Amino acid sequence: MTTFNWIHILILIATIAAIIVGPIWAVKITRRLDREHERKNQKFEVLRGLMKTRRLQLHPDHVGALNLIQLEFYENEPVISRYRTYIEHLHMSAPTNDETESFFDARHALFVELLRSVAHEMDYTFDKLDLDRLGYTPRGWETDELRNRANSHLLNELLQGKRALPVTEMKAAPESRFPPPPKINDDD
């Protein structure tokens, strides 16, 4: 066999190998890229959940996003370190004296550091003061949340027999500027 025939045979073998192996490699590369894209999307959803609820820290979406940090950012030591510090602070009991305000200020500062670290991992750069001040929650939501928690607490005490239900006589409604409703006669 001549050199020319060997070159043709090698080209034929390379072509057959490319026809067989090429699509397999293409699928493997596509699947790897899809997995990386999905991981980035999952991390982004954690960041999105934290940003969306940064002023509603009792909201289920906020708690869910916090709980996913350990899973989604497990390989990122700065994020995990800030997560651990923040979670440890969440598990601490709030003081009942003059230190209450500084305790919650420290908790908020730890949360902002965690949020900033997660954002940095996702290639977002936020100023700490912006993360702290630019979140918005209507005051009515906070008022409603506090009222709902107080009412829930009172209802639980009532149902557990720790509190009595006071019953008082209702006073007549003040005179209305509208005429009374018409009386319906049953005689008709």
N, C-alpha and C. Protein backbone atom coordinates (compact mmCIF):
# COMPACT_ATOMS: atom_id res chain seq x y z
N MET A 1 0.85 -1.18 0.00
CA MET A 1 0.00 0.00 0.00
C MET A 1 0.88 1.23 0.00
N THR A 2 0.40 2.18 -0.72
CA THR A 2 1.18 3.41 -0.83
C THR A 2 0.80 4.36 0.30
N THR A 3 1.60 5.41 0.47
CA THR A 3 1.34 6.42 1.48
C THR A 3 0.01 7.11 1.20
N PHE A 4 -0.28 7.28 -0.07
CA PHE A 4 -1.53 7.92 -0.44
C PHE A 4 -2.73 7.13 0.06
N ASN A 5 -2.69 5.79 -0.03
CA ASN A 5 -3.78 4.93 0.43
C ASN A 5 -3.92 5.00 1.96
N TRP A 6 -2.77 5.02 2.67
CA TRP A 6 -2.81 5.12 4.13
C TRP A 6 -3.44 6.44 4.58
N ILE A 7 -3.15 7.49 3.90
CA ILE A 7 -3.74 8.80 4.24
C ILE A 7 -5.25 8.74 4.03
N HIS A 8 -5.69 8.13 2.95
CA HIS A 8 -7.14 8.00 2.70
C HIS A 8 -7.81 7.14 3.78
N ILE A 9 -7.13 6.08 4.19
CA ILE A 9 -7.68 5.21 5.23
C ILE A 9 -7.76 5.95 6.55
N LEU A 10 -6.72 6.70 6.89
CA LEU A 10 -6.73 7.49 8.13
C LEU A 10 -7.81 8.57 8.10
N ILE A 11 -7.97 9.19 6.96
CA ILE A 11 -9.02 10.21 6.82
C ILE A 11 -10.39 9.56 6.97
N LEU A 12 -10.57 8.39 6.38
CA LEU A 12 -11.84 7.67 6.48
C LEU A 12 -12.12 7.28 7.93
N ILE A 13 -11.12 6.79 8.65
CA ILE A 13 -11.28 6.41 10.06
C ILE A 13 -11.60 7.65 10.90
N ALA A 14 -10.89 8.75 10.64
CA ALA A 14 -11.14 9.99 11.38
C ALA A 14 -12.55 10.51 11.10
N THR A 15 -13.01 10.39 9.88
CA THR A 15 -14.36 10.83 9.53
C THR A 15 -15.41 9.99 10.22
N ILE A 16 -15.22 8.69 10.23
CA ILE A 16 -16.17 7.79 10.90
C ILE A 16 -16.18 8.07 12.40
N ALA A 17 -14.98 8.26 12.98
CA ALA A 17 -14.90 8.57 14.41
C ALA A 17 -15.60 9.89 14.71
N ALA A 18 -15.40 10.88 13.86
CA ALA A 18 -16.05 12.18 14.07
C ALA A 18 -17.57 12.06 13.96
N ILE A 19 -18.04 11.22 13.05
CA ILE A 19 -19.49 11.03 12.89
C ILE A 19 -20.08 10.36 14.12
N ILE A 20 -19.34 9.43 14.71
CA ILE A 20 -19.84 8.70 15.88
C ILE A 20 -19.62 9.50 17.17
N VAL A 21 -18.41 9.99 17.37
CA VAL A 21 -18.05 10.64 18.64
C VAL A 21 -18.55 12.09 18.71
N GLY A 22 -18.59 12.77 17.59
CA GLY A 22 -18.98 14.19 17.56
C GLY A 22 -20.31 14.48 18.24
N PRO A 23 -21.39 13.79 17.86
CA PRO A 23 -22.68 14.04 18.51
C PRO A 23 -22.68 13.70 20.00
N ILE A 24 -21.93 12.66 20.37
CA ILE A 24 -21.87 12.29 21.79
C ILE A 24 -21.22 13.41 22.58
N TRP A 25 -20.10 13.93 22.07
CA TRP A 25 -19.44 15.05 22.75
C TRP A 25 -20.33 16.30 22.76
N ALA A 26 -21.03 16.53 21.68
CA ALA A 26 -21.91 17.71 21.61
C ALA A 26 -23.00 17.62 22.67
N VAL A 27 -23.56 16.43 22.85
CA VAL A 27 -24.61 16.24 23.86
C VAL A 27 -24.02 16.42 25.25
N LYS A 28 -22.82 15.85 25.49
CA LYS A 28 -22.19 16.00 26.80
C LYS A 28 -21.90 17.47 27.12
N ILE A 29 -21.38 18.17 26.16
CA ILE A 29 -21.08 19.60 26.37
C ILE A 29 -22.36 20.38 26.61
N THR A 30 -23.39 20.10 25.85
CA THR A 30 -24.68 20.80 26.01
C THR A 30 -25.27 20.51 27.39
N ARG A 31 -25.20 19.26 27.82
CA ARG A 31 -25.75 18.92 29.14
C ARG A 31 -24.97 19.62 30.26
N ARG A 32 -23.64 19.67 30.14
CA ARG A 32 -22.83 20.36 31.13
C ARG A 32 -23.18 21.85 31.18
N LEU A 33 -23.33 22.46 30.03
CA LEU A 33 -23.70 23.89 29.97
C LEU A 33 -25.09 24.11 30.56
N ASP A 34 -26.01 23.19 30.29
CA ASP A 34 -27.36 23.29 30.86
C ASP A 34 -27.33 23.19 32.38
N ARG A 35 -26.51 22.26 32.92
CA ARG A 35 -26.38 22.12 34.38
C ARG A 35 -25.81 23.39 35.00
N GLU A 36 -24.78 23.95 34.37
CA GLU A 36 -24.19 25.19 34.89
C GLU A 36 -25.20 26.33 34.84
N HIS A 37 -25.96 26.40 33.78
CA HIS A 37 -26.99 27.44 33.65
C HIS A 37 -28.07 27.26 34.72
N GLU A 38 -28.47 26.02 34.97
CA GLU A 38 -29.49 25.74 36.00
C GLU A 38 -28.98 26.10 37.39
N ARG A 39 -27.72 25.77 37.68
CA ARG A 39 -27.13 26.14 38.99
C ARG A 39 -27.11 27.65 39.17
N LYS A 40 -26.75 28.36 38.11
CA LYS A 40 -26.73 29.82 38.20
C LYS A 40 -28.14 30.37 38.42
N ASN A 41 -29.12 29.79 37.74
CA ASN A 41 -30.51 30.21 37.93
C ASN A 41 -30.99 29.95 39.36
N GLN A 42 -30.61 28.81 39.92
CA GLN A 42 -31.02 28.49 41.30
C GLN A 42 -30.40 29.48 42.28
N LYS A 43 -29.13 29.81 42.08
CA LYS A 43 -28.48 30.81 42.94
C LYS A 43 -29.16 32.17 42.78
N PHE A 44 -29.49 32.50 41.54
CA PHE A 44 -30.16 33.78 41.29
C PHE A 44 -31.51 33.83 41.99
N GLU A 45 -32.24 32.72 42.02
CA GLU A 45 -33.53 32.68 42.70
C GLU A 45 -33.39 32.91 44.21
N VAL A 46 -32.30 32.42 44.79
CA VAL A 46 -32.03 32.69 46.20
C VAL A 46 -31.81 34.18 46.39
N LEU A 47 -30.96 34.77 45.55
CA LEU A 47 -30.70 36.22 45.64
C LEU A 47 -32.00 36.99 45.43
N ARG A 48 -32.77 36.61 44.47
CA ARG A 48 -34.03 37.29 44.18
C ARG A 48 -34.99 37.20 45.37
N GLY A 49 -35.07 36.02 45.98
CA GLY A 49 -35.94 35.86 47.15
C GLY A 49 -35.50 36.72 48.32
N LEU A 50 -34.20 36.80 48.55
CA LEU A 50 -33.69 37.63 49.65
C LEU A 50 -33.91 39.12 49.38
N MET A 51 -33.68 39.53 48.14
CA MET A 51 -33.88 40.95 47.79
C MET A 51 -35.36 41.32 47.88
N LYS A 52 -36.19 40.43 47.40
CA LYS A 52 -37.64 40.70 47.38
C LYS A 52 -38.21 40.83 48.78
N THR A 53 -37.66 40.09 49.72
CA THR A 53 -38.23 40.05 51.06
C THR A 53 -37.28 40.62 52.12
N ARG A 54 -36.33 41.46 51.71
CA ARG A 54 -35.34 41.94 52.69
C ARG A 54 -35.95 42.77 53.80
N ARG A 55 -37.12 43.32 53.60
CA ARG A 55 -37.82 44.06 54.65
C ARG A 55 -38.96 43.25 55.26
N LEU A 56 -39.14 42.04 54.81
CA LEU A 56 -40.21 41.15 55.31
C LEU A 56 -39.56 39.85 55.77
N GLN A 57 -38.77 39.92 56.80
CA GLN A 57 -37.95 38.78 57.17
C GLN A 57 -38.74 37.64 57.82
N LEU A 58 -40.00 37.84 58.09
CA LEU A 58 -40.83 36.74 58.58
C LEU A 58 -41.61 36.07 57.46
N HIS A 59 -41.47 36.59 56.25
CA HIS A 59 -42.20 36.05 55.10
C HIS A 59 -41.65 34.66 54.75
N PRO A 60 -42.53 33.72 54.41
CA PRO A 60 -42.07 32.37 54.06
C PRO A 60 -41.06 32.34 52.91
N ASP A 61 -41.19 33.24 51.92
CA ASP A 61 -40.22 33.27 50.82
C ASP A 61 -38.83 33.65 51.32
N HIS A 62 -38.79 34.54 52.31
CA HIS A 62 -37.51 34.96 52.88
C HIS A 62 -36.85 33.79 53.61
N VAL A 63 -37.62 33.13 54.44
CA VAL A 63 -37.09 31.99 55.19
C VAL A 63 -36.66 30.88 54.23
N GLY A 64 -37.45 30.64 53.20
CA GLY A 64 -37.09 29.62 52.21
C GLY A 64 -35.79 29.96 51.49
N ALA A 65 -35.63 31.22 51.09
CA ALA A 65 -34.39 31.63 50.42
C ALA A 65 -33.20 31.48 51.36
N LEU A 66 -33.38 31.85 52.62
CA LEU A 66 -32.29 31.68 53.59
C LEU A 66 -31.89 30.21 53.72
N ASN A 67 -32.87 29.35 53.80
CA ASN A 67 -32.59 27.93 53.99
C ASN A 67 -31.93 27.30 52.77
N LEU A 68 -32.08 27.90 51.59
CA LEU A 68 -31.45 27.36 50.39
C LEU A 68 -30.00 27.79 50.22
N ILE A 69 -29.56 28.79 50.97
CA ILE A 69 -28.19 29.27 50.82
C ILE A 69 -27.19 28.15 51.06
N GLN A 70 -27.41 27.38 52.07
CA GLN A 70 -26.48 26.31 52.41
C GLN A 70 -26.35 25.30 51.25
N LEU A 71 -27.41 25.06 50.53
CA LEU A 71 -27.39 24.13 49.41
C LEU A 71 -26.79 24.76 48.16
N GLU A 72 -27.28 25.93 47.80
CA GLU A 72 -26.90 26.56 46.54
C GLU A 72 -25.50 27.15 46.54
N PHE A 73 -25.00 27.53 47.71
CA PHE A 73 -23.68 28.18 47.79
C PHE A 73 -22.70 27.36 48.61
N TYR A 74 -22.90 26.05 48.68
CA TYR A 74 -22.10 25.21 49.57
C TYR A 74 -20.61 25.30 49.28
N GLU A 75 -20.21 25.59 48.05
CA GLU A 75 -18.80 25.64 47.71
C GLU A 75 -18.20 27.03 47.93
N ASN A 76 -19.00 28.01 48.28
CA ASN A 76 -18.53 29.39 48.40
C ASN A 76 -18.31 29.73 49.87
N GLU A 77 -17.08 29.68 50.32
CA GLU A 77 -16.77 29.87 51.74
C GLU A 77 -17.17 31.24 52.28
N PRO A 78 -16.94 32.36 51.57
CA PRO A 78 -17.38 33.65 52.13
C PRO A 78 -18.89 33.72 52.37
N VAL A 79 -19.67 33.19 51.45
CA VAL A 79 -21.13 33.21 51.62
C VAL A 79 -21.53 32.31 52.78
N ILE A 80 -21.00 31.11 52.83
CA ILE A 80 -21.35 30.17 53.89
C ILE A 80 -20.93 30.70 55.25
N SER A 81 -19.79 31.34 55.32
CA SER A 81 -19.32 31.91 56.59
C SER A 81 -20.27 32.99 57.09
N ARG A 82 -20.69 33.88 56.19
CA ARG A 82 -21.64 34.94 56.58
C ARG A 82 -23.02 34.35 56.91
N TYR A 83 -23.39 33.31 56.20
CA TYR A 83 -24.65 32.61 56.47
C TYR A 83 -24.64 32.03 57.88
N ARG A 84 -23.56 31.34 58.23
CA ARG A 84 -23.47 30.74 59.57
C ARG A 84 -23.55 31.81 60.66
N THR A 85 -22.81 32.89 60.47
CA THR A 85 -22.82 33.97 61.47
C THR A 85 -24.22 34.54 61.63
N TYR A 86 -24.90 34.76 60.51
CA TYR A 86 -26.25 35.33 60.57
C TYR A 86 -27.23 34.34 61.23
N ILE A 87 -27.17 33.09 60.84
CA ILE A 87 -28.08 32.08 61.41
C ILE A 87 -27.84 31.92 62.90
N GLU A 88 -26.59 31.93 63.32
CA GLU A 88 -26.29 31.85 64.76
C GLU A 88 -26.92 33.02 65.51
N HIS A 89 -26.88 34.20 64.90
CA HIS A 89 -27.50 35.37 65.54
C HIS A 89 -29.01 35.23 65.58
N LEU A 90 -29.59 34.65 64.52
CA LEU A 90 -31.04 34.44 64.52
C LEU A 90 -31.48 33.51 65.64
N HIS A 91 -30.63 32.57 66.00
CA HIS A 91 -30.97 31.61 67.05
C HIS A 91 -30.77 32.18 68.46
N MET A 92 -30.15 33.34 68.56
CA MET A 92 -29.94 33.96 69.87
C MET A 92 -31.24 34.59 70.35
N SER A 93 -31.48 34.54 71.64
CA SER A 93 -32.65 35.19 72.22
C SER A 93 -32.39 36.69 72.32
N ALA A 94 -33.40 37.45 72.00
CA ALA A 94 -33.26 38.91 72.06
C ALA A 94 -33.19 39.35 73.52
N PRO A 95 -32.32 40.29 73.83
CA PRO A 95 -32.26 40.79 75.21
C PRO A 95 -33.53 41.59 75.54
N THR A 96 -33.85 41.66 76.78
CA THR A 96 -35.06 42.37 77.20
C THR A 96 -34.74 43.70 77.86
N ASN A 97 -33.51 44.14 77.79
CA ASN A 97 -33.13 45.40 78.43
C ASN A 97 -32.81 46.45 77.37
N ASP A 98 -31.96 47.39 77.74
CA ASP A 98 -31.62 48.51 76.85
C ASP A 98 -30.83 48.09 75.63
N GLU A 99 -30.37 46.86 75.58
CA GLU A 99 -29.55 46.39 74.47
C GLU A 99 -30.39 45.88 73.29
N THR A 100 -31.69 45.92 73.38
CA THR A 100 -32.56 45.37 72.35
C THR A 100 -32.31 46.02 70.99
N GLU A 101 -32.26 47.33 70.96
CA GLU A 101 -32.09 48.03 69.69
C GLU A 101 -30.75 47.68 69.05
N SER A 102 -29.66 47.68 69.82
CA SER A 102 -28.35 47.35 69.26
C SER A 102 -28.30 45.89 68.81
N PHE A 103 -29.02 45.01 69.51
CA PHE A 103 -29.08 43.60 69.13
C PHE A 103 -29.70 43.45 67.74
N PHE A 104 -30.83 44.11 67.50
CA PHE A 104 -31.50 44.00 66.21
C PHE A 104 -30.76 44.77 65.12
N ASP A 105 -30.07 45.84 65.48
CA ASP A 105 -29.22 46.54 64.51
C ASP A 105 -28.09 45.64 64.06
N ALA A 106 -27.48 44.91 65.01
CA ALA A 106 -26.41 43.98 64.66
C ALA A 106 -26.95 42.86 63.77
N ARG A 107 -28.12 42.36 64.08
CA ARG A 107 -28.74 41.30 63.27
C ARG A 107 -28.96 41.79 61.85
N HIS A 108 -29.47 43.02 61.72
CA HIS A 108 -29.72 43.58 60.40
C HIS A 108 -28.41 43.77 59.63
N ALA A 109 -27.38 44.22 60.30
CA ALA A 109 -26.07 44.41 59.66
C ALA A 109 -25.53 43.07 59.16
N LEU A 110 -25.70 42.02 59.93
CA LEU A 110 -25.26 40.69 59.50
C LEU A 110 -26.04 40.22 58.27
N PHE A 111 -27.34 40.52 58.24
CA PHE A 111 -28.14 40.15 57.08
C PHE A 111 -27.68 40.90 55.84
N VAL A 112 -27.41 42.19 55.98
CA VAL A 112 -26.96 42.98 54.84
C VAL A 112 -25.62 42.44 54.32
N GLU A 113 -24.73 42.05 55.21
CA GLU A 113 -23.45 41.46 54.79
C GLU A 113 -23.68 40.15 54.04
N LEU A 114 -24.59 39.33 54.52
CA LEU A 114 -24.91 38.08 53.84
C LEU A 114 -25.49 38.36 52.46
N LEU A 115 -26.43 39.28 52.38
CA LEU A 115 -27.07 39.63 51.11
C LEU A 115 -26.04 40.16 50.12
N ARG A 116 -25.16 40.99 50.60
CA ARG A 116 -24.11 41.56 49.73
C ARG A 116 -23.18 40.45 49.23
N SER A 117 -22.85 39.51 50.08
CA SER A 117 -21.97 38.41 49.70
C SER A 117 -22.63 37.51 48.64
N VAL A 118 -23.91 37.21 48.82
CA VAL A 118 -24.65 36.42 47.83
C VAL A 118 -24.71 37.16 46.50
N ALA A 119 -24.99 38.46 46.55
CA ALA A 119 -25.05 39.26 45.33
C ALA A 119 -23.69 39.29 44.63
N HIS A 120 -22.63 39.42 45.41
CA HIS A 120 -21.28 39.45 44.83
C HIS A 120 -20.97 38.14 44.10
N GLU A 121 -21.39 37.03 44.68
CA GLU A 121 -21.20 35.72 44.04
C GLU A 121 -21.91 35.68 42.69
N MET A 122 -22.99 36.40 42.56
CA MET A 122 -23.77 36.41 41.32
C MET A 122 -23.35 37.57 40.40
N ASP A 123 -22.21 38.18 40.71
CA ASP A 123 -21.64 39.29 39.92
C ASP A 123 -22.47 40.56 39.97
N TYR A 124 -23.16 40.77 41.10
CA TYR A 124 -23.83 42.04 41.36
C TYR A 124 -23.05 42.75 42.45
N THR A 125 -22.84 44.03 42.26
CA THR A 125 -22.13 44.82 43.26
C THR A 125 -23.10 45.84 43.82
N PHE A 126 -23.42 45.70 45.10
CA PHE A 126 -24.31 46.63 45.77
C PHE A 126 -23.57 47.30 46.91
N ASP A 127 -23.88 48.55 47.12
CA ASP A 127 -23.36 49.26 48.27
C ASP A 127 -24.16 48.81 49.50
N LYS A 128 -23.47 48.64 50.63
CA LYS A 128 -24.16 48.19 51.85
C LYS A 128 -25.27 49.16 52.24
N LEU A 129 -25.01 50.45 52.13
CA LEU A 129 -26.03 51.43 52.50
C LEU A 129 -27.25 51.34 51.59
N ASP A 130 -27.02 51.07 50.31
CA ASP A 130 -28.15 50.91 49.39
C ASP A 130 -28.99 49.69 49.76
N LEU A 131 -28.31 48.58 50.06
CA LEU A 131 -29.05 47.38 50.46
C LEU A 131 -29.84 47.63 51.74
N ASP A 132 -29.27 48.43 52.62
CA ASP A 132 -29.91 48.72 53.91
C ASP A 132 -31.09 49.67 53.74
N ARG A 133 -30.91 50.72 52.98
CA ARG A 133 -31.92 51.78 52.94
C ARG A 133 -32.92 51.71 51.80
N LEU A 134 -32.57 51.05 50.70
CA LEU A 134 -33.43 51.11 49.53
C LEU A 134 -34.50 50.02 49.47
N GLY A 135 -34.51 49.13 50.42
CA GLY A 135 -35.61 48.16 50.49
C GLY A 135 -36.87 48.87 50.97
N TYR A 136 -38.01 48.47 50.47
CA TYR A 136 -39.25 49.16 50.83
C TYR A 136 -40.32 48.17 51.27
N THR A 137 -40.97 48.53 52.34
CA THR A 137 -42.15 47.83 52.80
C THR A 137 -43.11 48.88 53.34
N PRO A 138 -44.36 48.89 52.90
CA PRO A 138 -45.31 49.86 53.44
C PRO A 138 -45.47 49.68 54.95
N ARG A 139 -45.60 50.78 55.64
CA ARG A 139 -45.78 50.71 57.10
C ARG A 139 -47.03 49.93 57.48
N GLY A 140 -48.05 50.01 56.65
CA GLY A 140 -49.27 49.27 56.92
C GLY A 140 -49.03 47.78 56.99
N TRP A 141 -48.11 47.26 56.16
CA TRP A 141 -47.80 45.83 56.20
C TRP A 141 -47.19 45.47 57.54
N GLU A 142 -46.29 46.32 58.00
CA GLU A 142 -45.65 46.06 59.29
C GLU A 142 -46.68 46.13 60.41
N THR A 143 -47.55 47.13 60.34
CA THR A 143 -48.60 47.27 61.35
C THR A 143 -49.52 46.05 61.33
N ASP A 144 -49.93 45.64 60.14
CA ASP A 144 -50.80 44.46 60.01
C ASP A 144 -50.11 43.21 60.56
N GLU A 145 -48.83 43.05 60.25
CA GLU A 145 -48.09 41.88 60.72
C GLU A 145 -48.02 41.87 62.24
N LEU A 146 -47.71 43.00 62.84
CA LEU A 146 -47.64 43.09 64.30
C LEU A 146 -49.01 42.82 64.93
N ARG A 147 -50.06 43.37 64.34
CA ARG A 147 -51.42 43.16 64.84
C ARG A 147 -51.81 41.69 64.72
N ASN A 148 -51.51 41.09 63.59
CA ASN A 148 -51.84 39.67 63.39
C ASN A 148 -51.11 38.78 64.38
N ARG A 149 -49.85 39.09 64.64
CA ARG A 149 -49.09 38.30 65.61
C ARG A 149 -49.66 38.48 67.01
N ALA A 150 -50.02 39.73 67.37
CA ALA A 150 -50.60 39.97 68.70
C ALA A 150 -51.95 39.25 68.83
N ASN A 151 -52.77 39.34 67.80
CA ASN A 151 -54.07 38.67 67.83
C ASN A 151 -53.91 37.15 67.91
N SER A 152 -52.96 36.63 67.17
CA SER A 152 -52.70 35.19 67.23
C SER A 152 -52.27 34.77 68.63
N HIS A 153 -51.42 35.57 69.24
CA HIS A 153 -50.95 35.29 70.59
C HIS A 153 -52.13 35.30 71.58
N LEU A 154 -52.99 36.33 71.48
CA LEU A 154 -54.15 36.42 72.37
C LEU A 154 -55.11 35.26 72.15
N LEU A 155 -55.35 34.90 70.89
CA LEU A 155 -56.25 33.79 70.59
C LEU A 155 -55.69 32.48 71.15
N ASN A 156 -54.39 32.28 71.01
CA ASN A 156 -53.78 31.06 71.58
C ASN A 156 -53.95 31.02 73.10
N GLU A 157 -53.78 32.14 73.77
CA GLU A 157 -53.98 32.18 75.22
C GLU A 157 -55.43 31.87 75.57
N LEU A 158 -56.36 32.41 74.79
CA LEU A 158 -57.78 32.15 75.02
C LEU A 158 -58.09 30.67 74.84
N LEU A 159 -57.59 30.07 73.77
CA LEU A 159 -57.87 28.67 73.49
C LEU A 159 -57.19 27.73 74.47
N GLN A 160 -56.09 28.15 75.06
CA GLN A 160 -55.40 27.33 76.05
C GLN A 160 -55.94 27.54 77.46
N GLY A 161 -56.91 28.43 77.59
CA GLY A 161 -57.50 28.68 78.90
C GLY A 161 -56.66 29.59 79.78
N LYS A 162 -55.71 30.26 79.22
CA LYS A 162 -54.86 31.17 80.00
C LYS A 162 -55.45 32.58 80.06
N ARG A 163 -56.46 32.83 79.27
CA ARG A 163 -57.07 34.16 79.21
C ARG A 163 -58.58 33.98 79.12
N ALA A 164 -59.29 34.88 79.78
CA ALA A 164 -60.76 34.84 79.73
C ALA A 164 -61.24 35.73 78.58
N LEU A 165 -62.43 35.42 78.11
CA LEU A 165 -63.04 36.23 77.07
C LEU A 165 -64.00 37.19 77.74
N PRO A 166 -63.65 38.49 77.78
CA PRO A 166 -64.55 39.43 78.43
C PRO A 166 -65.80 39.67 77.57
N VAL A 167 -66.95 39.66 78.21
CA VAL A 167 -68.21 39.92 77.52
C VAL A 167 -68.81 41.17 78.13
N THR A 168 -69.08 42.14 77.30
CA THR A 168 -69.64 43.41 77.79
C THR A 168 -70.89 43.75 77.01
N GLU A 169 -71.69 44.60 77.62
CA GLU A 169 -72.91 45.04 76.98
C GLU A 169 -72.56 46.03 75.88
N MET A 170 -73.21 45.85 74.74
CA MET A 170 -72.98 46.76 73.62
C MET A 170 -73.82 48.01 73.80
N LYS A 171 -73.25 49.13 73.52
CA LYS A 171 -74.00 50.39 73.57
C LYS A 171 -74.71 50.58 72.25
N ALA A 172 -75.82 51.28 72.33
CA ALA A 172 -76.60 51.55 71.12
C ALA A 172 -75.77 52.41 70.17
N ALA A 173 -75.99 52.17 68.91
CA ALA A 173 -75.28 52.95 67.90
C ALA A 173 -75.75 54.39 67.97
N PRO A 174 -74.86 55.32 67.70
CA PRO A 174 -75.27 56.72 67.73
C PRO A 174 -76.33 56.98 66.66
N GLU A 175 -77.09 58.02 66.91
CA GLU A 175 -78.16 58.38 65.98
C GLU A 175 -77.57 58.65 64.61
N SER A 176 -78.23 58.08 63.61
CA SER A 176 -77.73 58.20 62.26
C SER A 176 -78.42 59.36 61.56
N ARG A 177 -77.75 59.98 60.63
CA ARG A 177 -78.36 61.06 59.87
C ARG A 177 -79.25 60.51 58.76
N PHE A 178 -79.21 59.18 58.57
CA PHE A 178 -80.06 58.55 57.59
C PHE A 178 -81.33 58.06 58.26
N PRO A 179 -82.42 58.02 57.51
CA PRO A 179 -83.68 57.53 58.11
C PRO A 179 -83.58 56.04 58.40
N PRO A 180 -84.38 55.55 59.35
CA PRO A 180 -84.35 54.13 59.68
C PRO A 180 -84.87 53.31 58.49
N PRO A 181 -84.52 52.05 58.44
CA PRO A 181 -85.01 51.22 57.34
C PRO A 181 -86.52 51.04 57.47
N PRO A 182 -87.20 50.86 56.38
CA PRO A 182 -88.66 50.70 56.43
C PRO A 182 -89.02 49.43 57.18
N LYS A 183 -90.16 49.50 57.90
CA LYS A 183 -90.63 48.34 58.62
C LYS A 183 -91.45 47.48 57.66
N ILE A 184 -91.31 46.22 57.78
CA ILE A 184 -92.06 45.29 56.94
C ILE A 184 -93.19 44.72 57.77
N ASN A 185 -94.39 44.87 57.26
CA ASN A 185 -95.56 44.32 57.94
C ASN A 185 -95.77 42.90 57.48
N ASP A 186 -95.94 42.03 58.44
CA ASP A 186 -96.25 40.63 58.09
C ASP A 186 -97.71 40.44 57.76
N ASP A 187 -98.56 41.50 57.97
CA ASP A 187 -100.00 41.38 57.75
C ASP A 187 -100.31 41.36 56.25
N ASP A 188 -99.48 41.91 55.43
CA ASP A 188 -99.79 42.02 54.00
C ASP A 188 -99.71 40.74 53.28
